[in-house]
Protein backbone atom coordinates (compact mmCIF):
# COMPACT_ATOMS: atom_id res chain seq x y z
CA MET A 1 179.56 181.25 191.25
CA SER A 2 176.25 182.04 193.84
CA SER A 3 177.26 184.00 196.90
CA SER A 4 173.62 182.76 198.67
CA PRO A 5 172.00 179.72 199.32
CA VAL A 6 170.88 177.42 195.70
CA VAL A 7 167.71 175.78 195.78
CA PRO A 8 169.31 171.61 195.07
CA PHE A 9 169.42 170.46 191.59
CA SER A 10 168.58 174.55 190.43
CA GLU A 11 172.28 175.30 189.12
CA PRO A 12 175.71 173.52 187.75
CA PRO A 13 178.09 172.80 190.50
CA TYR A 14 180.37 175.19 189.32
CA ILE A 15 177.53 178.22 189.43
CA ALA A 16 176.46 176.75 192.70
CA GLY A 17 180.23 177.81 194.44
CA LEU A 18 181.43 174.28 193.78
CA PRO A 19 184.90 174.11 192.51
CA SER A 20 185.79 172.92 188.97
CA PRO A 21 189.15 172.25 186.78
CA TYR A 22 187.31 173.72 183.52
CA TYR A 23 186.71 176.90 183.80
CA LYS A 24 188.51 180.11 183.21
CA PRO A 25 187.78 183.38 184.10
CA THR A 26 187.26 184.24 180.19
CA HIS A 27 183.81 181.31 180.56
CA LEU A 28 183.04 182.91 184.26
CA ARG A 29 182.71 185.99 182.70
CA TRP A 30 180.95 184.83 180.15
CA GLN A 31 177.91 183.56 181.88
CA LYS A 32 177.06 186.45 184.00
CA ALA A 33 177.39 188.24 180.49
CA CYS A 34 175.06 185.16 179.70
CA ARG A 35 172.58 185.15 182.22
CA GLU A 36 172.53 188.73 182.60
CA PHE A 37 171.19 189.42 178.38
CA ILE A 38 169.15 185.93 178.06
CA SER A 39 167.27 186.90 181.69
CA LYS A 40 166.56 190.08 179.90
CA ASN A 41 165.57 189.78 176.54
CA LEU A 42 164.01 186.73 176.09
CA LEU A 43 163.46 184.04 180.00
CA GLU A 44 160.91 187.08 181.52
CA ASN A 45 158.63 186.53 178.42
CA ALA A 46 159.60 182.96 177.68
CA LEU A 47 156.61 181.11 179.03
CA GLN A 48 154.54 183.41 177.63
CA TRP A 49 155.43 184.18 173.85
CA ASP A 50 155.58 179.47 173.58
CA THR A 51 151.94 179.78 174.96
CA GLU A 52 151.76 181.54 171.73
CA GLU A 53 153.41 179.97 169.89
CA THR A 54 155.78 182.37 168.41
CA VAL A 55 158.57 184.64 169.52
CA PRO A 56 158.25 188.13 168.32
CA GLN A 57 160.27 189.21 165.10
CA HIS A 58 162.38 192.10 167.49
CA VAL A 59 162.88 189.25 169.68
CA PHE A 60 165.31 187.57 167.10
CA GLU A 61 166.47 191.19 165.82
CA THR A 62 167.61 192.20 169.37
CA PHE A 63 169.85 188.98 169.49
CA ALA A 64 171.37 189.62 166.62
CA ASN A 65 172.28 193.22 166.48
CA ALA A 66 173.49 191.97 169.99
CA GLY A 67 175.92 189.19 167.91
CA MET A 68 173.68 186.51 170.15
CA LEU A 69 173.16 184.23 167.48
CA ILE A 70 176.81 183.94 166.61
CA PRO A 71 177.76 181.85 169.58
CA SER A 72 175.33 178.71 168.57
CA LEU A 73 177.50 177.94 165.62
CA PRO A 74 180.30 175.57 166.26
CA ALA A 75 183.45 177.24 167.67
CA PRO A 76 185.71 178.14 167.04
CA LEU A 77 183.96 180.47 165.63
CA PRO A 78 184.57 181.96 162.11
CA VAL A 79 187.07 185.00 163.38
CA GLU A 80 188.71 186.02 160.06
CA TRP A 81 184.22 186.12 158.24
CA LEU A 82 183.38 188.12 162.14
CA LYS A 83 185.94 190.71 161.99
CA ARG A 84 185.54 191.22 158.40
CA LEU A 85 181.28 192.00 159.55
CA GLY A 86 182.85 194.46 162.34
CA ILE A 87 182.55 191.66 165.20
CA HIS A 88 185.03 191.47 167.23
CA ASP A 89 183.92 190.23 170.40
CA ILE A 90 180.04 189.39 172.17
CA LEU A 91 178.24 191.85 174.24
CA GLY A 92 182.16 192.91 175.45
CA ALA A 93 183.13 189.28 177.67
CA VAL A 94 184.42 187.66 174.80
CA LYS A 95 186.76 187.45 172.21
CA VAL A 96 185.67 186.02 168.90
CA GLU A 97 188.78 184.12 168.30
CA GLU A 98 189.28 182.99 172.48
CA PHE A 99 185.37 181.41 172.24
CA ASP A 100 185.89 178.37 172.47
CA TYR A 101 183.26 174.88 172.94
CA LEU A 102 183.07 175.67 176.92
CA HIS A 103 181.91 179.40 175.69
CA THR A 104 179.01 177.18 173.66
CA MET A 105 178.42 174.71 176.55
CA ILE A 106 177.57 178.38 178.44
CA TYR A 107 175.30 179.88 175.88
CA CYS A 108 173.08 176.64 175.05
CA ASP A 109 172.41 175.96 179.04
CA GLU A 110 171.92 179.70 180.14
CA MET A 111 169.41 180.15 176.94
CA THR A 112 167.68 176.92 178.01
CA ARG A 113 167.01 178.59 181.43
CA SER A 114 163.20 178.98 181.01
CA GLY A 115 162.79 175.15 181.10
CA LEU A 116 161.29 175.29 177.44
CA ALA A 117 163.03 174.65 174.34
CA GLY A 118 160.84 176.57 171.74
CA PRO A 119 161.94 179.86 173.03
CA SER A 120 165.58 179.37 172.17
CA GLY A 121 165.26 177.36 169.59
CA SER A 122 162.75 179.64 167.31
CA LEU A 123 166.07 181.59 167.51
CA THR A 124 169.33 179.50 167.07
CA THR A 125 168.34 176.51 165.80
CA GLY A 126 168.89 177.78 162.01
CA ILE A 127 172.15 179.71 161.87
CA SER A 128 173.04 176.80 164.59
CA PHE A 129 172.99 174.40 162.21
CA GLY A 130 172.06 175.70 158.46
CA VAL A 131 174.65 178.16 158.36
CA PRO A 132 177.86 175.30 158.80
CA PRO A 133 177.21 173.19 155.77
CA ILE A 134 178.48 176.98 154.22
CA LEU A 135 180.79 177.56 156.58
CA LYS A 136 182.80 174.32 156.89
CA PHE A 137 182.50 173.27 153.08
CA GLY A 138 181.17 176.00 150.86
CA ASN A 139 183.71 177.78 148.44
CA LYS A 140 184.38 181.22 148.41
CA ARG A 141 182.47 182.40 146.38
CA LEU A 142 179.10 180.68 147.48
CA GLN A 143 180.29 182.01 150.89
CA GLU A 144 180.65 185.82 150.27
CA ARG A 145 177.26 185.60 148.39
CA PHE A 146 175.52 184.11 151.65
CA LEU A 147 177.84 184.20 154.97
CA PRO A 148 177.85 188.41 155.36
CA GLU A 149 173.45 188.48 155.60
CA LEU A 150 173.27 185.12 157.80
CA LEU A 151 176.13 185.72 160.23
CA THR A 152 174.21 188.91 160.93
CA GLY A 153 170.88 187.99 161.09
CA LYS A 154 169.97 189.78 158.14
CA LYS A 155 168.64 187.06 156.44
CA ARG A 156 167.06 183.78 158.02
CA THR A 157 168.63 179.80 157.55
CA CYS A 158 167.69 176.36 158.24
CA ILE A 159 169.01 172.70 157.95
CA ALA A 160 166.34 170.96 155.81
CA ILE A 161 167.07 167.21 155.85
CA THR A 162 163.76 165.33 157.26
CA GLU A 163 161.64 163.51 155.15
CA PRO A 164 157.85 162.33 155.52
CA GLU A 165 159.63 158.86 154.82
CA ALA A 166 163.34 159.36 155.78
CA GLY A 167 163.80 161.36 159.28
CA SER A 168 167.25 160.20 160.91
CA ASP A 169 167.48 157.00 157.51
CA VAL A 170 169.08 160.02 156.22
CA ALA A 171 170.61 157.66 153.20
CA ASN A 172 167.12 157.55 151.38
CA ILE A 173 166.08 161.07 151.30
CA THR A 174 164.17 161.49 148.20
CA THR A 175 164.17 164.83 147.36
CA THR A 176 166.00 165.36 143.89
CA ALA A 177 167.68 167.78 142.35
CA THR A 178 168.63 167.71 138.99
CA LYS A 179 170.03 169.41 136.85
CA THR A 180 168.78 171.74 133.94
CA SER A 181 170.25 170.59 129.87
CA ASP A 182 172.30 173.87 129.81
CA GLY A 183 173.61 172.79 132.85
CA LYS A 184 173.18 175.90 134.70
CA HIS A 185 170.45 175.09 137.72
CA TYR A 186 169.02 172.86 139.54
CA ILE A 187 165.15 171.27 139.57
CA VAL A 188 164.11 170.41 143.20
CA ASN A 189 160.93 168.31 144.24
CA GLY A 190 160.50 167.10 146.91
CA THR A 191 159.39 167.91 150.67
CA LYS A 192 160.73 168.35 153.65
CA LYS A 193 159.22 167.77 157.12
CA TRP A 194 159.90 169.02 160.71
CA ILE A 195 161.73 171.14 159.68
CA THR A 196 162.58 173.60 162.54
CA ASN A 197 162.40 178.06 161.82
CA GLY A 198 161.73 176.92 158.35
CA ILE A 199 158.49 179.15 158.27
CA TRP A 200 160.66 182.27 158.51
CA SER A 201 163.23 181.51 156.33
CA GLU A 202 164.65 183.37 153.24
CA TYR A 203 167.24 180.23 152.88
CA SER A 204 168.22 176.45 153.76
CA SER A 205 171.03 174.58 153.80
CA MET A 206 168.87 171.82 152.23
CA ALA A 207 169.35 167.81 151.77
CA VAL A 208 169.16 166.31 147.99
CA ARG A 209 169.39 163.70 145.92
CA THR A 210 171.70 164.31 142.95
CA GLY A 211 172.82 160.92 142.08
CA GLY A 212 171.64 157.36 142.33
CA PRO A 213 170.45 155.68 145.40
CA GLY A 214 171.71 155.49 149.06
CA PRO A 215 174.33 158.12 151.23
CA THR A 216 176.74 158.13 147.77
CA GLY A 217 173.89 160.50 145.70
CA LEU A 218 173.32 163.27 148.80
CA SER A 219 174.19 166.19 147.76
CA MET A 220 173.69 169.63 150.13
CA LEU A 221 171.94 173.23 147.70
CA VAL A 222 171.50 175.90 149.75
CA VAL A 223 167.54 176.67 148.70
CA PRO A 224 165.75 179.70 148.50
CA LEU A 225 162.72 179.43 150.66
CA LYS A 226 160.22 182.10 151.41
CA GLY A 227 158.47 183.75 149.09
CA TYR A 228 160.60 181.52 146.26
CA PRO A 229 158.80 180.51 142.88
CA GLY A 230 157.33 176.42 143.92
CA VAL A 231 158.44 176.69 148.04
CA THR A 232 155.25 175.92 149.69
CA MET A 233 155.51 176.47 153.46
CA ARG A 234 152.86 175.87 156.13
CA ARG A 235 153.61 175.12 160.12
CA LEU A 236 153.62 172.23 161.82
CA LYS A 237 151.17 171.98 165.49
CA VAL A 238 153.98 169.58 167.30
CA GLY A 239 153.09 168.61 171.12
CA GLY A 240 156.25 170.48 172.44
CA GLN A 241 158.58 173.13 170.94
CA VAL A 242 155.42 174.74 169.72
CA SER A 243 157.14 178.46 169.02
CA ALA A 244 160.24 176.92 167.47
CA GLY A 245 158.19 176.94 164.28
CA THR A 246 158.39 173.03 162.89
CA THR A 247 157.67 173.21 159.46
CA PHE A 248 156.54 171.05 156.48
CA ILE A 249 157.82 172.32 152.90
CA GLU A 250 156.69 171.23 149.87
CA LEU A 251 159.45 171.94 146.75
CA ASP A 252 157.44 171.81 143.30
CA ASP A 253 160.05 172.12 140.18
CA VAL A 254 162.65 174.83 142.52
CA LYS A 255 164.81 176.34 140.37
CA VAL A 256 168.06 176.46 141.84
CA PRO A 257 171.32 177.98 140.31
CA VAL A 258 173.74 175.21 140.68
CA GLU A 259 176.50 177.78 142.41
CA ASN A 260 174.19 177.06 145.20
CA LEU A 261 176.12 173.94 145.42
CA ILE A 262 177.65 173.46 149.15
CA GLY A 263 181.07 171.76 148.25
CA THR A 264 179.98 168.83 145.56
CA GLU A 265 177.90 166.36 144.49
CA GLY A 266 177.87 163.16 146.26
CA ALA A 267 179.03 164.27 149.45
CA GLY A 268 176.33 165.43 151.24
CA MET A 269 175.78 162.55 153.40
CA ARG A 270 179.59 163.85 154.92
CA TYR A 271 178.55 166.84 155.26
CA VAL A 272 175.33 166.21 157.28
CA MET A 273 176.73 163.47 159.31
CA THR A 274 179.43 166.24 160.56
CA ASN A 275 177.30 168.55 161.00
CA PHE A 276 175.26 166.25 163.04
CA ASN A 277 177.60 166.43 166.09
CA HIS A 278 176.89 170.01 166.71
CA GLU A 279 173.21 169.73 166.50
CA ARG A 280 173.14 167.04 168.99
CA LEU A 281 175.83 168.10 171.57
CA THR A 282 173.97 171.41 171.43
CA ILE A 283 170.57 169.61 172.13
CA ALA A 284 172.21 167.54 175.15
CA ILE A 285 173.13 170.84 176.81
CA GLY A 286 170.12 172.00 176.52
CA ALA A 287 167.91 169.07 177.02
CA THR A 288 169.99 168.84 179.97
CA ARG A 289 169.40 172.41 181.59
CA GLN A 290 165.38 171.82 181.10
CA ALA A 291 165.09 168.62 183.52
CA ARG A 292 167.05 171.13 185.91
CA VAL A 293 164.96 173.31 185.40
CA ALA A 294 161.70 170.76 185.81
CA LEU A 295 164.11 169.20 189.27
CA ALA A 296 164.46 172.22 190.78
CA ALA A 297 161.08 173.21 190.49
CA ALA A 298 160.22 169.92 192.16
CA THR A 299 162.57 170.65 195.12
CA GLU A 300 160.95 174.24 195.30
CA TYR A 301 157.67 172.78 195.59
CA ILE A 302 157.87 169.83 197.76
CA LEU A 303 159.89 171.94 200.34
CA LYS A 304 156.18 174.20 200.33
CA ARG A 305 153.99 171.85 199.66
CA GLU A 306 152.30 169.92 203.26
CA ALA A 307 149.75 166.87 202.50
CA PHE A 308 149.24 164.09 205.56
CA GLY A 309 150.25 166.97 208.11
CA LYS A 310 153.63 167.68 207.19
CA PRO A 311 156.18 169.23 204.36
CA LEU A 312 156.17 166.62 201.45
CA VAL A 313 159.94 167.06 201.71
CA GLU A 314 159.67 165.11 204.89
CA GLN A 315 158.06 162.37 203.45
CA PRO A 316 160.92 159.84 202.63
CA VAL A 317 158.56 158.04 199.36
CA VAL A 318 159.84 161.67 197.72
CA ARG A 319 162.64 162.40 198.81
CA GLN A 320 164.08 159.05 197.18
CA ARG A 321 162.62 159.57 194.12
CA LEU A 322 163.62 163.07 194.25
CA ALA A 323 167.54 162.31 195.07
CA ARG A 324 167.14 158.95 192.10
CA CYS A 325 167.00 162.24 189.55
CA GLY A 326 168.76 164.03 190.99
CA ALA A 327 171.65 161.80 190.50
CA MET A 328 170.60 161.44 186.87
CA VAL A 329 170.89 164.68 185.99
CA GLU A 330 174.14 166.11 187.91
CA SER A 331 175.48 162.47 185.39
CA GLN A 332 174.50 163.90 182.46
CA TRP A 333 175.52 167.13 183.43
CA ALA A 334 179.31 166.06 184.20
CA TRP A 335 178.85 164.00 180.74
CA VAL A 336 178.36 167.29 178.59
CA GLU A 337 180.56 169.29 180.80
CA GLN A 338 183.37 166.93 180.48
CA PHE A 339 182.39 166.67 175.78
CA ALA A 340 182.99 170.33 175.67
CA TYR A 341 186.23 170.28 178.11
CA GLN A 342 187.14 167.56 174.96
CA MET A 343 186.32 169.43 171.90
CA THR A 344 188.52 172.55 173.67
CA GLN A 345 191.75 169.77 173.41
CA LEU A 346 190.81 167.96 170.22
CA PRO A 347 191.19 168.85 167.01
CA LYS A 348 187.92 168.86 165.01
CA GLU A 349 188.93 166.48 162.21
CA VAL A 350 190.29 163.76 165.74
CA ALA A 351 187.24 165.22 167.60
CA ASP A 352 184.70 163.50 164.34
CA ILE A 353 185.57 160.25 164.92
CA GLU A 354 186.85 159.96 168.97
CA LEU A 355 183.43 162.01 169.97
CA GLY A 356 181.30 161.19 166.98
CA GLY A 357 179.43 157.52 168.19
CA LEU A 358 179.22 159.61 172.28
CA THR A 359 177.57 162.17 170.71
CA ALA A 360 175.07 160.16 169.10
CA MET A 361 174.89 158.70 172.91
CA ALA A 362 174.73 161.47 175.12
CA LYS A 363 172.33 163.33 173.00
CA ALA A 364 169.41 160.05 173.37
CA GLN A 365 170.96 159.91 177.05
CA ALA A 366 170.17 163.45 177.73
CA GLY A 367 166.21 162.64 176.53
CA ILE A 368 165.48 159.72 178.40
CA VAL A 369 167.43 162.21 181.87
CA LEU A 370 164.47 164.97 181.03
CA ASN A 371 162.24 162.06 180.38
CA GLU A 372 162.60 161.21 183.73
CA CYS A 373 163.06 163.82 185.97
CA ALA A 374 160.10 165.84 183.94
CA GLN A 375 157.84 162.45 185.40
CA CYS A 376 159.87 163.17 188.53
CA ALA A 377 158.78 166.61 189.02
CA GLN A 378 155.08 165.97 187.38
CA LEU A 379 154.20 163.22 189.88
CA LEU A 380 155.30 165.43 192.62
CA PHE A 381 153.32 168.74 191.96
CA GLY A 382 150.41 166.09 191.59
CA GLY A 383 146.98 167.46 190.27
CA ASN A 384 149.09 170.76 189.68
CA GLY A 385 151.72 169.45 187.63
CA TYR A 386 148.76 168.14 185.45
CA THR A 387 147.41 171.75 184.86
CA LYS A 388 147.92 173.81 182.13
CA SER A 389 147.86 177.13 184.14
CA GLY A 390 148.76 178.20 187.86
CA GLN A 391 151.56 176.90 190.02
CA GLY A 392 152.68 173.57 187.75
CA GLU A 393 152.34 175.36 183.95
CA LEU A 394 155.61 175.00 183.23
CA ILE A 395 156.23 171.12 184.55
CA GLU A 396 153.75 170.35 182.39
CA ARG A 397 154.90 172.18 179.47
CA ILE A 398 157.89 170.81 180.02
CA TYR A 399 156.91 167.12 180.22
CA ARG A 400 155.53 167.95 176.51
CA GLU A 401 159.00 169.02 175.20
CA ALA A 402 160.47 165.91 175.78
CA PRO A 403 159.37 164.01 173.48
CA GLY A 404 161.39 166.66 171.48
CA ILE A 405 164.37 165.69 172.44
CA ARG A 406 163.99 162.33 172.26
CA ILE A 407 162.83 162.33 168.72
CA PRO A 408 164.82 164.40 166.14
CA GLY A 409 167.87 165.10 165.99
CA GLY A 410 168.32 161.48 165.80
CA SER A 411 166.00 159.52 167.27
CA GLU A 412 166.77 157.45 170.64
CA ASP A 413 167.29 153.75 169.68
CA VAL A 414 168.70 155.28 166.12
CA MET A 415 171.61 157.14 168.55
CA MET A 416 172.22 154.95 171.03
CA ASP A 417 172.92 151.99 167.95
CA LEU A 418 174.83 154.60 166.46
CA GLY A 419 176.70 154.84 169.06
CA VAL A 420 178.13 151.56 169.82
CA ARG A 421 178.61 151.21 166.05
CA GLN A 422 180.59 154.07 166.12
CA LEU A 423 182.65 153.23 168.53
CA VAL A 424 183.11 149.48 167.35
CA LYS A 425 184.38 151.03 164.24
CA ASN A 426 187.25 153.00 165.80
CA PHE A 427 188.31 150.05 167.53
CA LYS A 428 188.56 147.92 164.76
CA ASN A 429 190.66 150.57 163.21
CA LYS A 430 192.55 150.87 165.64
CA THR A 431 193.41 147.48 165.83
CA GLN A 432 193.78 146.82 162.06
CA ALA A 433 195.97 149.20 162.08
CA MET A 434 198.70 147.79 164.87
CA GLU A 435 198.27 144.54 162.89
CA ARG A 436 202.00 144.33 161.27
CA PRO A 437 201.95 144.09 157.30
CA LYS A 438 201.69 141.05 155.53
CA GLY A 439 204.52 139.32 155.14
CA SER A 440 206.71 141.22 156.92
CA SER A 441 208.85 139.03 159.45
CA LYS A 442 209.46 142.09 162.33
CA LEU A 443 207.59 141.46 165.59
């Protein structure tokens, strides 16, 4: 809770001093510890590193050594594994066994306080989305081989699903994994595109086609990347999130042991879709903070910038624009905050069904809100917000990042459609379950 005046829209209400039903002392301790660590080790230089398009390796190592990559995993955390590795708490602020989705939300929010998704994404995207399939669906032998190094940050991984011709259309992935005649290896051929963190990763949790067309032909493999025979990687130049290591991967007769199969053949589509819920919720949380950073910066600017003989804040049209976006960002925060709380109350299998469609919609809406708030900030900054240096530099950068929320992780239109389809499906299933059995005379 802040004890000094807070710039309007700059902090979530619970930090600004307003009461909330969600947060316990463990969450408030965690927020303070996160802010101190992340401010010192990431945010102070985030804009510079993003300009240079790469966050230095020592930053990743600092976060790994402090256990500060682990909070990017879905909650609850893999407590048994972490304790085996000697990790009992994070920053001394929260025990691994008490970590819940509100802690996750706080972490994602604090990691994006620079206003940029690239610097934090360069550290966390791989472990956040690449490790869960192994944790959730990998057999004990697979976990023993990979988790010790991945959970401690000694090795890096990524999630590799998207292809040049298959983005949101996951069911039509064409990268193939064909078994050798002796049944001991898969031979992987194909391309993956827009793979965040790929360029730095020793491994990937990769969606591949082991069977026929459609979703039932998909599986997931742990495919080695960096320096592995048959794998060629290059960084892609993208409009935003430029420091996150967006990568194009070519796979030419890549030989992968069959023991690297995650779960069972043909179940890959289910694994991918389950993983998307965590990905989309964390994207929504981070994007909401980005929108908040843009709007708060605009608020500070209009308080001091004068035009036509008075500060901009005294112009009704300026206040109207700010109010409209302020209502959007606070409403969006209330939604993701509600999501995080619901995740602490529902069993995962129930949350996947009940919240899956809504999570897709929340992610899409976060992109819309970010776009509106970044555009508002740029207009209020005027020429300064359109300049890649000076006092509007951050605003110009944030506005370029908005498409990086609206497209990756499931494009906006697809997410909105998916959300409604999932809600309708749930409704029909519940309605059908209530209908009396055929031939029954019971009311």
